[in-house]
PDB file of N, CA and C in Angstrom:
ATOM      1  N   UNK A   1      79.060 107.493  98.161  1.00  0.00           N
ATOM      2  CA  UNK A   1      77.120 107.048  97.562  1.00  0.00           C
ATOM      3  C   UNK A   1      76.532 107.963  98.413  1.00  0.00           C
ATOM      4  N   UNK A   2      75.801 108.603  97.685  1.00  0.00           N
ATOM      5  CA  UNK A   2      74.478 109.260  98.450  1.00  0.00           C
ATOM      6  C   UNK A   2      73.038 109.043  97.958  1.00  0.00           C
ATOM      7  N   UNK A   3      71.825 109.269  98.397  1.00  0.00           N
ATOM      8  CA  UNK A   3      70.572 108.820  97.959  1.00  0.00           C
ATOM      9  C   UNK A   3      70.046 110.411  98.321  1.00  0.00           C
ATOM     10  N   UNK A   4      69.220 110.515  97.630  1.00  0.00           N
ATOM     11  CA  UNK A   4      68.404 111.506  97.270  1.00  0.00           C
ATOM     12  C   UNK A   4      66.826 111.369  98.523  1.00  0.00           C
ATOM     13  N   UNK A   5      67.361 112.941  98.851  1.00  0.00           N
ATOM     14  CA  UNK A   5      66.321 112.846 100.137  1.00  0.00           C
ATOM     15  C   UNK A   5      64.905 112.938 100.002  1.00  0.00           C
ATOM     16  N   UNK A   6      64.618 113.118  98.800  1.00  0.00           N
ATOM     17  CA  UNK A   6      63.200 113.472  98.559  1.00  0.00           C
ATOM     18  C   UNK A   6      62.405 112.113  97.965  1.00  0.00           C
ATOM     19  N   UNK A   7      63.148 111.353  97.161  1.00  0.00           N
ATOM     20  CA  UNK A   7      62.601 109.986  96.791  1.00  0.00           C
ATOM     21  C   UNK A   7      63.462 108.644  97.123  1.00  0.00           C
ATOM     22  N   UNK A   8      64.906 109.111  97.865  1.00  0.00           N
ATOM     23  CA  UNK A   8      65.661 107.688  97.992  1.00  0.00           C
ATOM     24  C   UNK A   8      66.325 107.340  96.921  1.00  0.00           C
ATOM     25  N   UNK A   9      66.344 107.410  95.794  1.00  0.00           N
ATOM     26  CA  UNK A   9      67.245 107.232  94.806  1.00  0.00           C
ATOM     27  C   UNK A   9      68.800 107.462  94.631  1.00  0.00           C
ATOM     28  N   UNK A  10      69.463 106.590  93.925  1.00  0.00           N
ATOM     29  CA  UNK A  10      70.973 106.961  94.276  1.00  0.00           C
ATOM     30  C   UNK A  10      71.048 108.260  93.425  1.00  0.00           C
ATOM     31  N   UNK A  11      71.705 109.343  93.726  1.00  0.00           N
ATOM     32  CA  UNK A  11      72.280 110.624  93.291  1.00  0.00           C
ATOM     33  C   UNK A  11      73.680 110.224  92.595  1.00  0.00           C
ATOM     34  N   UNK A  12      73.355 110.601  91.020  1.00  0.00           N
ATOM     35  CA  UNK A  12      74.971 111.396  90.343  1.00  0.00           C
ATOM     36  C   UNK A  12      75.445 112.091  90.597  1.00  0.00           C
ATOM     37  N   UNK A  13      76.960 112.151  90.515  1.00  0.00           N
ATOM     38  CA  UNK A  13      77.739 113.271  90.120  1.00  0.00           C
ATOM     39  C   UNK A  13      77.826 113.671  89.153  1.00  0.00           C
ATOM     40  N   UNK A  14      77.180 114.754  88.816  1.00  0.00           N
ATOM     41  CA  UNK A  14      77.031 115.476  87.370  1.00  0.00           C
ATOM     42  C   UNK A  14      77.863 117.112  87.459  1.00  0.00           C
ATOM     43  N   UNK A  15      78.684 117.743  86.444  1.00  0.00           N
ATOM     44  CA  UNK A  15      79.421 118.640  86.126  1.00  0.00           C
ATOM     45  C   UNK A  15      78.385 119.523  85.826  1.00  0.00           C
ATOM     46  N   UNK A  16      78.496 120.408  86.244  1.00  0.00           N
ATOM     47  CA  UNK A  16      77.770 121.906  86.147  1.00  0.00           C
ATOM     48  C   UNK A  16      78.375 123.193  85.990  1.00  0.00           C
ATOM     49  N   UNK A  17      78.943 123.398  84.900  1.00  0.00           N
ATOM     50  CA  UNK A  17      79.518 124.844  84.961  1.00  0.00           C
ATOM     51  C   UNK A  17      80.863 123.827  84.990  1.00  0.00           C
ATOM     52  N   UNK A  18      81.824 124.994  86.188  1.00  0.00           N
ATOM     53  CA  UNK A  18      82.969 124.160  86.854  1.00  0.00           C
ATOM     54  C   UNK A  18      83.020 123.440  87.894  1.00  0.00           C
ATOM     55  N   UNK A  19      81.572 123.732  88.722  1.00  0.00           N
ATOM     56  CA  UNK A  19      81.751 122.631  89.895  1.00  0.00           C
ATOM     57  C   UNK A  19      80.905 121.526  89.792  1.00  0.00           C
ATOM     58  N   UNK A  20      81.015 120.572  90.580  1.00  0.00           N
ATOM     59  CA  UNK A  20      80.083 119.116  90.150  1.00  0.00           C
ATOM     60  C   UNK A  20      78.873 119.262  91.574  1.00  0.00           C
ATOM     61  N   UNK A  21      77.867 118.591  91.026  1.00  0.00           N
ATOM     62  CA  UNK A  21      76.887 118.869  91.753  1.00  0.00           C
ATOM     63  C   UNK A  21      75.776 117.314  91.405  1.00  0.00           C
ATOM     64  N   UNK A  22      75.309 116.881  92.858  1.00  0.00           N
ATOM     65  CA  UNK A  22      74.596 115.691  92.742  1.00  0.00           C
ATOM     66  C   UNK A  22      73.332 115.846  92.162  1.00  0.00           C
ATOM     67  N   UNK A  23      73.084 114.968  91.584  1.00  0.00           N
ATOM     68  CA  UNK A  23      71.695 114.999  90.421  1.00  0.00           C
ATOM     69  C   UNK A  23      70.994 113.245  90.683  1.00  0.00           C
ATOM     70  N   UNK A  24      69.357 113.753  91.149  1.00  0.00           N
ATOM     71  CA  UNK A  24      68.726 113.191  91.055  1.00  0.00           C
ATOM     72  C   UNK A  24      68.159 112.549  89.770  1.00  0.00           C
ATOM     73  N   UNK A  25      67.828 111.684  89.206  1.00  0.00           N
ATOM     74  CA  UNK A  25      67.837 111.750  87.910  1.00  0.00           C
ATOM     75  C   UNK A  25      65.915 111.093  87.816  1.00  0.00           C
ATOM     76  N   UNK A  26      65.660 110.632  89.164  1.00  0.00           N
ATOM     77  CA  UNK A  26      64.493 110.762  89.346  1.00  0.00           C
ATOM     78  C   UNK A  26      63.288 111.679  89.383  1.00  0.00           C
ATOM     79  N   UNK A  27      63.477 111.631  90.260  1.00  0.00           N
ATOM     80  CA  UNK A  27      63.063 113.391  90.646  1.00  0.00           C
ATOM     81  C   UNK A  27      63.769 114.789  90.405  1.00  0.00           C
ATOM     82  N   UNK A  28      64.837 114.812  89.580  1.00  0.00           N
ATOM     83  CA  UNK A  28      65.791 116.087  88.944  1.00  0.00           C
ATOM     84  C   UNK A  28      65.858 117.014  90.058  1.00  0.00           C
ATOM     85  N   UNK A  29      66.145 116.521  91.359  1.00  0.00           N
ATOM     86  CA  UNK A  29      66.989 117.125  92.261  1.00  0.00           C
ATOM     87  C   UNK A  29      67.928 117.112  92.560  1.00  0.00           C
ATOM     88  N   UNK A  30      68.458 118.904  92.787  1.00  0.00           N
ATOM     89  CA  UNK A  30      69.825 118.834  92.358  1.00  0.00           C
ATOM     90  C   UNK A  30      70.419 118.947  94.092  1.00  0.00           C
ATOM     91  N   UNK A  31      71.603 118.577  94.314  1.00  0.00           N
ATOM     92  CA  UNK A  31      72.064 118.604  95.752  1.00  0.00           C
ATOM     93  C   UNK A  31      73.838 119.188  95.467  1.00  0.00           C
ATOM     94  N   UNK A  32      73.991 120.293  96.157  1.00  0.00           N
ATOM     95  CA  UNK A  32      75.109 121.217  96.249  1.00  0.00           C
ATOM     96  C   UNK A  32      76.516 119.564  96.611  1.00  0.00           C
ATOM     97  N   UNK A  33      77.574 119.909  96.104  1.00  0.00           N
ATOM     98  CA  UNK A  33      78.191 119.101  97.085  1.00  0.00           C
ATOM     99  C   UNK A  33      79.881 120.063  97.776  1.00  0.00           C
ATOM    100  N   UNK A  34      79.491 119.743  99.239  1.00  0.00           N
ATOM    101  CA  UNK A  34      80.109 120.158 100.150  1.00  0.00           C
ATOM    102  C   UNK A  34      81.743 119.781 100.023  1.00  0.00           C
ATOM    103  N   UNK A  35      82.768 120.412 100.611  1.00  0.00           N
ATOM    104  CA  UNK A  35      84.097 119.663 100.650  1.00  0.00           C
ATOM    105  C   UNK A  35      83.909 118.395 101.204  1.00  0.00           C
ATOM    106  N   UNK A  36      83.028 118.258 102.475  1.00  0.00           N
ATOM    107  CA  UNK A  36      82.758 117.061 103.322  1.00  0.00           C
ATOM    108  C   UNK A  36      82.139 116.383 102.401  1.00  0.00           C
ATOM    109  N   UNK A  37      81.350 116.462 101.596  1.00  0.00           N
ATOM    110  CA  UNK A  37      80.851 115.497 100.793  1.00  0.00           C
ATOM    111  C   UNK A  37      80.926 115.113  99.203  1.00  0.00           C
ATOM    112  N   UNK A  38      82.287 115.213  99.556  1.00  0.00           N
ATOM    113  CA  UNK A  38      83.334 114.953  97.736  1.00  0.00           C
ATOM    114  C   UNK A  38      83.535 113.893  98.013  1.00  0.00           C
ATOM    115  N   UNK A  39      82.701 112.692  97.037  1.00  0.00           N
ATOM    116  CA  UNK A  39      82.575 111.188  97.084  1.00  0.00           C
ATOM    117  C   UNK A  39      84.427 110.901  96.466  1.00  0.00           C
ATOM    118  N   UNK A  40      84.789 109.473  97.473  1.00  0.00           N
ATOM    119  CA  UNK A  40      85.498 109.188  97.536  1.00  0.00           C
ATOM    120  C   UNK A  40      85.483 107.718  97.142  1.00  0.00           C
ATOM    121  N   UNK A  41      86.533 107.050  96.354  1.00  0.00           N
ATOM    122  CA  UNK A  41      85.975 105.580  95.560  1.00  0.00           C
ATOM    123  C   UNK A  41      87.213 104.972  96.080  1.00  0.00           C
ATOM    124  N   UNK A  42      87.149 104.048  96.768  1.00  0.00           N
ATOM    125  CA  UNK A  42      88.446 103.077  96.857  1.00  0.00           C
ATOM    126  C   UNK A  42      88.155 101.575  97.227  1.00  0.00           C
ATOM    127  N   UNK A  43      88.962 100.976  96.811  1.00  0.00           N
ATOM    128  CA  UNK A  43      88.670  99.272  96.847  1.00  0.00           C
ATOM    129  C   UNK A  43      90.051  98.680  97.217  1.00  0.00           C
ATOM    130  N   UNK A  44      90.096  97.902  98.291  1.00  0.00           N
ATOM    131  CA  UNK A  44      90.991  96.954  98.921  1.00  0.00           C
ATOM    132  C   UNK A  44      90.488  96.283  98.659  1.00  0.00           C
ATOM    133  N   UNK A  45      91.843  94.876  97.953  1.00  0.00           N
ATOM    134  CA  UNK A  45      91.454  93.468  97.722  1.00  0.00           C
ATOM    135  C   UNK A  45      91.999  92.772  98.556  1.00  0.00           C
ATOM    136  N   UNK A  46      91.747  92.012  99.780  1.00  0.00           N
ATOM    137  CA  UNK A  46      92.747  90.726 100.348  1.00  0.00           C
ATOM    138  C   UNK A  46      92.438  89.606  99.140  1.00  0.00           C
ATOM    139  N   UNK A  47      93.659  89.294  99.379  1.00  0.00           N
ATOM    140  CA  UNK A  47      94.176  87.728  98.883  1.00  0.00           C
ATOM    141  C   UNK A  47      94.650  86.830  99.631  1.00  0.00           C
ATOM    142  N   UNK A  48      94.346  86.119  99.534  1.00  0.00           N
ATOM    143  CA  UNK A  48      94.207  84.949 100.371  1.00  0.00           C
ATOM    144  C   UNK A  48      95.483  84.077  99.425  1.00  0.00           C
ATOM    145  N   UNK A  49      96.342  83.281 100.667  1.00  0.00           N
ATOM    146  CA  UNK A  49      97.474  82.253  99.715  1.00  0.00           C
ATOM    147  C   UNK A  49      96.840  81.386  98.799  1.00  0.00           C
ATOM    148  N   UNK A  50      95.963  80.974  99.208  1.00  0.00           N
ATOM    149  CA  UNK A  50      95.599  79.986  98.056  1.00  0.00           C
ATOM    150  C   UNK A  50      95.068  80.620  96.668  1.00  0.00           C
ATOM    151  N   UNK A  51      95.138  82.099  96.127  1.00  0.00           N
ATOM    152  CA  UNK A  51      94.673  82.667  95.392  1.00  0.00           C
ATOM    153  C   UNK A  51      96.020  82.832  94.424  1.00  0.00           C
ATOM    154  N   UNK A  52      97.239  82.593  94.909  1.00  0.00           N
ATOM    155  CA  UNK A  52      98.343  83.054  93.926  1.00  0.00           C
ATOM    156  C   UNK A  52      98.397  82.207  92.968  1.00  0.00           C
ATOM    157  N   UNK A  53      99.190  82.327  92.471  1.00  0.00           N
ATOM    158  CA  UNK A  53      98.777  81.240  90.921  1.00  0.00           C
ATOM    159  C   UNK A  53     100.368  80.878  90.824  1.00  0.00           C
ATOM    160  N   UNK A  54     100.429  79.092  91.431  1.00  0.00           N
ATOM    161  CA  UNK A  54     101.585  78.725  91.150  1.00  0.00           C
ATOM    162  C   UNK A  54     102.363  78.532  90.133  1.00  0.00           C
ATOM    163  N   UNK A  55     103.814  79.054  90.345  1.00  0.00           N
ATOM    164  CA  UNK A  55     104.599  78.820  89.471  1.00  0.00           C
ATOM    165  C   UNK A  55     106.041  77.903  89.554  1.00  0.00           C
ATOM    166  N   UNK A  56     105.225  76.757  88.315  1.00  0.00           N
ATOM    167  CA  UNK A  56     105.899  75.516  88.265  1.00  0.00           C
ATOM    168  C   UNK A  56     107.510  75.725  87.571  1.00  0.00           C
ATOM    169  N   UNK A  57     108.473  75.570  88.071  1.00  0.00           N
ATOM    170  CA  UNK A  57     110.132  75.479  87.977  1.00  0.00           C
ATOM    171  C   UNK A  57     110.403  74.774  86.928  1.00  0.00           C
ATOM    172  N   UNK A  58     110.003  73.473  87.495  1.00  0.00           N
ATOM    173  CA  UNK A  58     110.365  72.279  86.408  1.00  0.00           C
ATOM    174  C   UNK A  58     109.612  71.964  84.786  1.00  0.00           C
ATOM    175  N   UNK A  59     109.926  71.419  84.078  1.00  0.00           N
ATOM    176  CA  UNK A  59     109.903  71.301  82.693  1.00  0.00           C
ATOM    177  C   UNK A  59     108.689  70.000  83.070  1.00  0.00           C
ATOM    178  N   UNK A  60     107.285  70.237  82.278  1.00  0.00           N
ATOM    179  CA  UNK A  60     106.402  69.104  82.367  1.00  0.00           C
ATOM    180  C   UNK A  60     106.004  68.756  81.113  1.00  0.00           C
ATOM    181  N   UNK A  61     106.297  67.539  80.855  1.00  0.00           N
ATOM    182  CA  UNK A  61     105.686  66.859  79.109  1.00  0.00           C
ATOM    183  C   UNK A  61     104.772  66.088  79.627  1.00  0.00           C
ATOM    184  N   UNK A  62     103.207  67.236  79.292  1.00  0.00           N
ATOM    185  CA  UNK A  62     101.703  66.969  79.009  1.00  0.00           C
ATOM    186  C   UNK A  62     101.167  66.175  77.796  1.00  0.00           C
ATOM    187  N   UNK A  63     102.512  66.536  76.595  1.00  0.00           N
ATOM    188  CA  UNK A  63     102.137  66.670  75.181  1.00  0.00           C
ATOM    189  C   UNK A  63     102.221  64.890  75.089  1.00  0.00           C
ATOM    190  N   UNK A  64     100.896  64.257  74.452  1.00  0.00           N
ATOM    191  CA  UNK A  64     101.362  62.519  73.696  1.00  0.00           C
ATOM    192  C   UNK A  64     102.564  62.037  73.079  1.00  0.00           C
ATOM    193  N   UNK A  65     102.725  61.320  73.006  1.00  0.00           N
ATOM    194  CA  UNK A  65     103.394  60.848  72.155  1.00  0.00           C
ATOM    195  C   UNK A  65     103.345  59.294  71.547  1.00  0.00           C
ATOM    196  N   UNK A  66     103.734  59.839  69.850  1.00  0.00           N
ATOM    197  CA  UNK A  66     103.856  59.015  68.967  1.00  0.00           C
ATOM    198  C   UNK A  66     104.916  58.404  68.338  1.00  0.00           C
ATOM    199  N   UNK A  67     104.781  57.729  67.073  1.00  0.00           N
ATOM    200  CA  UNK A  67     105.983  56.704  66.726  1.00  0.00           C
ATOM    201  C   UNK A  67     106.426  57.603  65.453  1.00  0.00           C
ATOM    202  N   UNK A  68     106.915  58.713  65.435  1.00  0.00           N
ATOM    203  CA  UNK A  68     107.366  59.598  64.394  1.00  0.00           C
ATOM    204  C   UNK A  68     109.174  59.361  64.198  1.00  0.00           C
ATOM    205  N   UNK A  69     109.693  59.467  62.786  1.00  0.00           N
ATOM    206  CA  UNK A  69     111.083  59.286  63.408  1.00  0.00           C
ATOM    207  C   UNK A  69     111.278  60.883  63.211  1.00  0.00           C
ATOM    208  N   UNK A  70     112.575  61.323  63.520  1.00  0.00           N
ATOM    209  CA  UNK A  70     113.619  62.364  64.261  1.00  0.00           C
ATOM    210  C   UNK A  70     114.166  62.378  62.772  1.00  0.00           C
ATOM    211  N   UNK A  71     114.220  63.822  62.086  1.00  0.00           N
ATOM    212  CA  UNK A  71     114.796  64.169  61.019  1.00  0.00           C
ATOM    213  C   UNK A  71     116.627  64.343  61.461  1.00  0.00           C
ATOM    214  N   UNK A  72     116.705  64.859  62.812  1.00  0.00           N
ATOM    215  CA  UNK A  72     117.763  64.955  63.190  1.00  0.00           C
ATOM    216  C   UNK A  72     118.350  63.556  63.923  1.00  0.00           C
ATOM    217  N   UNK A  73     118.307  63.264  65.036  1.00  0.00           N
ATOM    218  CA  UNK A  73     118.723  62.102  65.213  1.00  0.00           C
ATOM    219  C   UNK A  73     118.442  60.419  65.177  1.00  0.00           C
ATOM    220  N   UNK A  74     117.341  60.419  63.941  1.00  0.00           N
ATOM    221  CA  UNK A  74     116.591  59.393  64.043  1.00  0.00           C
ATOM    222  C   UNK A  74     115.791  58.922  65.133  1.00  0.00           C
ATOM    223  N   UNK A  75     115.403  58.869  65.889  1.00  0.00           N
ATOM    224  CA  UNK A  75     114.882  58.563  67.265  1.00  0.00           C
ATOM    225  C   UNK A  75     113.627  58.375  66.917  1.00  0.00           C
ATOM    226  N   UNK A  76     112.817  57.429  67.280  1.00  0.00           N
ATOM    227  CA  UNK A  76     110.976  56.994  66.902  1.00  0.00           C
ATOM    228  C   UNK A  76     110.351  57.396  67.540  1.00  0.00           C
ATOM    229  N   UNK A  77     110.377  58.322  68.540  1.00  0.00           N
ATOM    230  CA  UNK A  77     109.380  58.628  69.535  1.00  0.00           C
ATOM    231  C   UNK A  77     109.517  60.519  69.291  1.00  0.00           C
ATOM    232  N   UNK A  78     108.506  61.114  69.219  1.00  0.00           N
ATOM    233  CA  UNK A  78     108.160  62.154  68.913  1.00  0.00           C
ATOM    234  C   UNK A  78     106.958  62.441  69.980  1.00  0.00           C
ATOM    235  N   UNK A  79     106.910  63.791  70.920  1.00  0.00           N
ATOM    236  CA  UNK A  79     105.570  64.671  71.165  1.00  0.00           C
ATOM    237  C   UNK A  79     105.206  65.548  69.995  1.00  0.00           C
ATOM    238  N   UNK A  80     103.396  65.402  70.215  1.00  0.00           N
ATOM    239  CA  UNK A  80     103.143  66.082  69.333  1.00  0.00           C
ATOM    240  C   UNK A  80     101.736  67.076  69.431  1.00  0.00           C
ATOM    241  N   UNK A  81     101.495  67.956  69.047  1.00  0.00           N
ATOM    242  CA  UNK A  81     100.285  69.067  69.210  1.00  0.00           C
ATOM    243  C   UNK A  81     100.071  69.622  67.655  1.00  0.00           C
ATOM    244  N   UNK A  82      98.442  70.169  67.530  1.00  0.00           N
ATOM    245  CA  UNK A  82      98.265  70.777  66.599  1.00  0.00           C
ATOM    246  C   UNK A  82      97.937  72.480  66.966  1.00  0.00           C
ATOM    247  N   UNK A  83      98.063  73.004  65.530  1.00  0.00           N
ATOM    248  CA  UNK A  83      98.118  74.509  66.357  1.00  0.00           C
ATOM    249  C   UNK A  83      97.273  74.711  64.037  1.00  0.00           C
ATOM    250  N   UNK A  84      96.320  75.955  64.594  1.00  0.00           N
ATOM    251  CA  UNK A  84      96.072  76.715  63.858  1.00  0.00           C
ATOM    252  C   UNK A  84      96.497  77.190  63.096  1.00  0.00           C
ATOM    253  N   UNK A  85      97.875  77.315  62.103  1.00  0.00           N
ATOM    254  CA  UNK A  85      98.838  78.689  61.642  1.00  0.00           C
ATOM    255  C   UNK A  85      97.849  79.396  60.552  1.00  0.00           C
ATOM    256  N   UNK A  86      97.173  78.854  60.184  1.00  0.00           N
ATOM    257  CA  UNK A  86      97.029  79.330  58.758  1.00  0.00           C
ATOM    258  C   UNK A  86      95.382  79.805  58.888  1.00  0.00           C
ATOM    259  N   UNK A  87      95.236  79.905  57.612  1.00  0.00           N
ATOM    260  CA  UNK A  87      93.460  80.783  57.983  1.00  0.00           C
ATOM    261  C   UNK A  87      92.438  79.163  57.842  1.00  0.00           C
ATOM    262  N   UNK A  88      90.842  79.740  58.608  1.00  0.00           N
ATOM    263  CA  UNK A  88      90.247  78.589  59.572  1.00  0.00           C
ATOM    264  C   UNK A  88      89.434  77.519  58.466  1.00  0.00           C
ATOM    265  N   UNK A  89      89.758  77.708  56.969  1.00  0.00           N
ATOM    266  CA  UNK A  89      89.189  76.990  56.264  1.00  0.00           C
ATOM    267  C   UNK A  89      90.458  76.172  55.611  1.00  0.00           C
ATOM    268  N   UNK A  90      91.465  76.187  56.192  1.00  0.00           N
ATOM    269  CA  UNK A  90      92.780  75.522  55.952  1.00  0.00           C
ATOM    270  C   UNK A  90      92.739  74.461  57.152  1.00  0.00           C
ATOM    271  N   UNK A  91      93.725  72.968  57.083  1.00  0.00           N
ATOM    272  CA  UNK A  91      93.867  72.175  58.014  1.00  0.00           C
ATOM    273  C   UNK A  91      94.763  72.947  58.911  1.00  0.00           C
ATOM    274  N   UNK A  92      94.790  72.224  60.445  1.00  0.00           N
ATOM    275  CA  UNK A  92      95.455  72.641  61.277  1.00  0.00           C
ATOM    276  C   UNK A  92      97.071  72.006  60.772  1.00  0.00           C
ATOM    277  N   UNK A  93      98.152  72.513  61.587  1.00  0.00           N
ATOM    278  CA  UNK A  93      99.642  72.190  61.274  1.00  0.00           C
ATOM    279  C   UNK A  93      99.697  71.335  62.384  1.00  0.00           C
ATOM    280  N   UNK A  94     100.144  70.026  62.373  1.00  0.00           N
ATOM    281  CA  UNK A  94     100.832  68.818  63.035  1.00  0.00           C
ATOM    282  C   UNK A  94     102.259  69.107  63.509  1.00  0.00           C
ATOM    283  N   UNK A  95     102.554  69.949  64.616  1.00  0.00           N
ATOM    284  CA  UNK A  95     103.818  70.112  65.324  1.00  0.00           C
ATOM    285  C   UNK A  95     104.190  68.771  65.909  1.00  0.00           C
ATOM    286  N   UNK A  96     105.743  68.079  65.583  1.00  0.00           N
ATOM    287  CA  UNK A  96     106.519  67.177  66.596  1.00  0.00           C
ATOM    288  C   UNK A  96     107.991  67.711  67.511  1.00  0.00           C
ATOM    289  N   UNK A  97     107.407  67.021  68.252  1.00  0.00           N
ATOM    290  CA  UNK A  97     109.558  67.540  69.526  1.00  0.00           C
ATOM    291  C   UNK A  97     109.757  66.119  69.539  1.00  0.00           C
ATOM    292  N   UNK A  98     111.168  65.843  69.360  1.00  0.00           N
ATOM    293  CA  UNK A  98     111.986  64.588  69.531  1.00  0.00           C
ATOM    294  C   UNK A  98     111.794  64.256  70.716  1.00  0.00           C
ATOM    295  N   UNK A  99     111.645  63.689  71.584  1.00  0.00           N
ATOM    296  CA  UNK A  99     111.521  63.057  73.197  1.00  0.00           C
ATOM    297  C   UNK A  99     113.362  62.941  73.340  1.00  0.00           C
ATOM    298  N   UNK A 100     113.990  63.209  72.486  1.00  0.00           N
ATOM    299  CA  UNK A 100     115.877  62.777  72.508  1.00  0.00           C
ATOM    300  C   UNK A 100     116.091  64.092  72.468  1.00  0.00           C
ATOM    301  N   UNK A 101     116.180  64.552  71.277  1.00  0.00           N
ATOM    302  CA  UNK A 101     117.092  65.575  71.169  1.00  0.00           C
ATOM    303  C   UNK A 101     116.374  67.242  71.315  1.00  0.00           C
ATOM    304  N   UNK A 102     115.205  66.725  71.068  1.00  0.00           N
ATOM    305  CA  UNK A 102     114.170  68.310  71.574  1.00  0.00           C
ATOM    306  C   UNK A 102     114.262  68.853  70.053  1.00  0.00           C
ATOM    307  N   UNK A 103     114.261  68.442  69.142  1.00  0.00           N
ATOM    308  CA  UNK A 103     114.381  69.365  67.495  1.00  0.00           C
ATOM    309  C   UNK A 103     112.829  69.283  67.339  1.00  0.00           C
ATOM    310  N   UNK A 104     111.985  70.305  67.215  1.00  0.00           N
ATOM    311  CA  UNK A 104     110.736  70.183  66.531  1.00  0.00           C
ATOM    312  C   UNK A 104     110.284  70.504  65.329  1.00  0.00           C
ATOM    313  N   UNK A 105     109.658  69.756  64.560  1.00  0.00           N
ATOM    314  CA  UNK A 105     109.870  69.712  63.234  1.00  0.00           C
ATOM    315  C   UNK A 105     108.105  70.333  62.918  1.00  0.00           C
ATOM    316  N   UNK A 106     107.647  70.192  61.598  1.00  0.00           N
ATOM    317  CA  UNK A 106     106.123  70.819  61.317  1.00  0.00           C
ATOM    318  C   UNK A 106     105.654  69.454  59.882  1.00  0.00           C
ATOM    319  N   UNK A 107     104.576  69.463  60.562  1.00  0.00           N
ATOM    320  CA  UNK A 107     103.983  68.652  59.431  1.00  0.00           C
ATOM    321  C   UNK A 107     102.897  69.417  58.908  1.00  0.00           C
ATOM    322  N   UNK A 108     102.668  69.298  57.744  1.00  0.00           N
ATOM    323  CA  UNK A 108     101.127  70.185  56.829  1.00  0.00           C
ATOM    324  C   UNK A 108     100.524  69.070  56.501  1.00  0.00           C
ATOM    325  N   UNK A 109      99.101  69.348  56.827  1.00  0.00           N
ATOM    326  CA  UNK A 109      98.217  68.363  56.448  1.00  0.00           C
ATOM    327  C   UNK A 109      97.798  68.477  54.967  1.00  0.00           C
TER     328      UNK A 109
END
């Protein structure tokens, strides 16, 4: 970051032909970039252990359970969820997954 010596505004690097110069948009002052003044931008991000995303190995069932008969095994319990599978002016599709055999089926409203 370089500041203008005349007005104190932030200088922006601007390409002039085949060279790059610093230019002040407020007072129109130009400043040549020497090899020592070449802007280098770096960023270092330190991550704390609490920033890591936990990976859950086991399967968790957080879906609600309802009384619905499984067409595969005849079990009367199934987990369910809804999802918009068609256009937005049509109703959602309801999905069921058997708690016994894990067969998944859908019901259109």
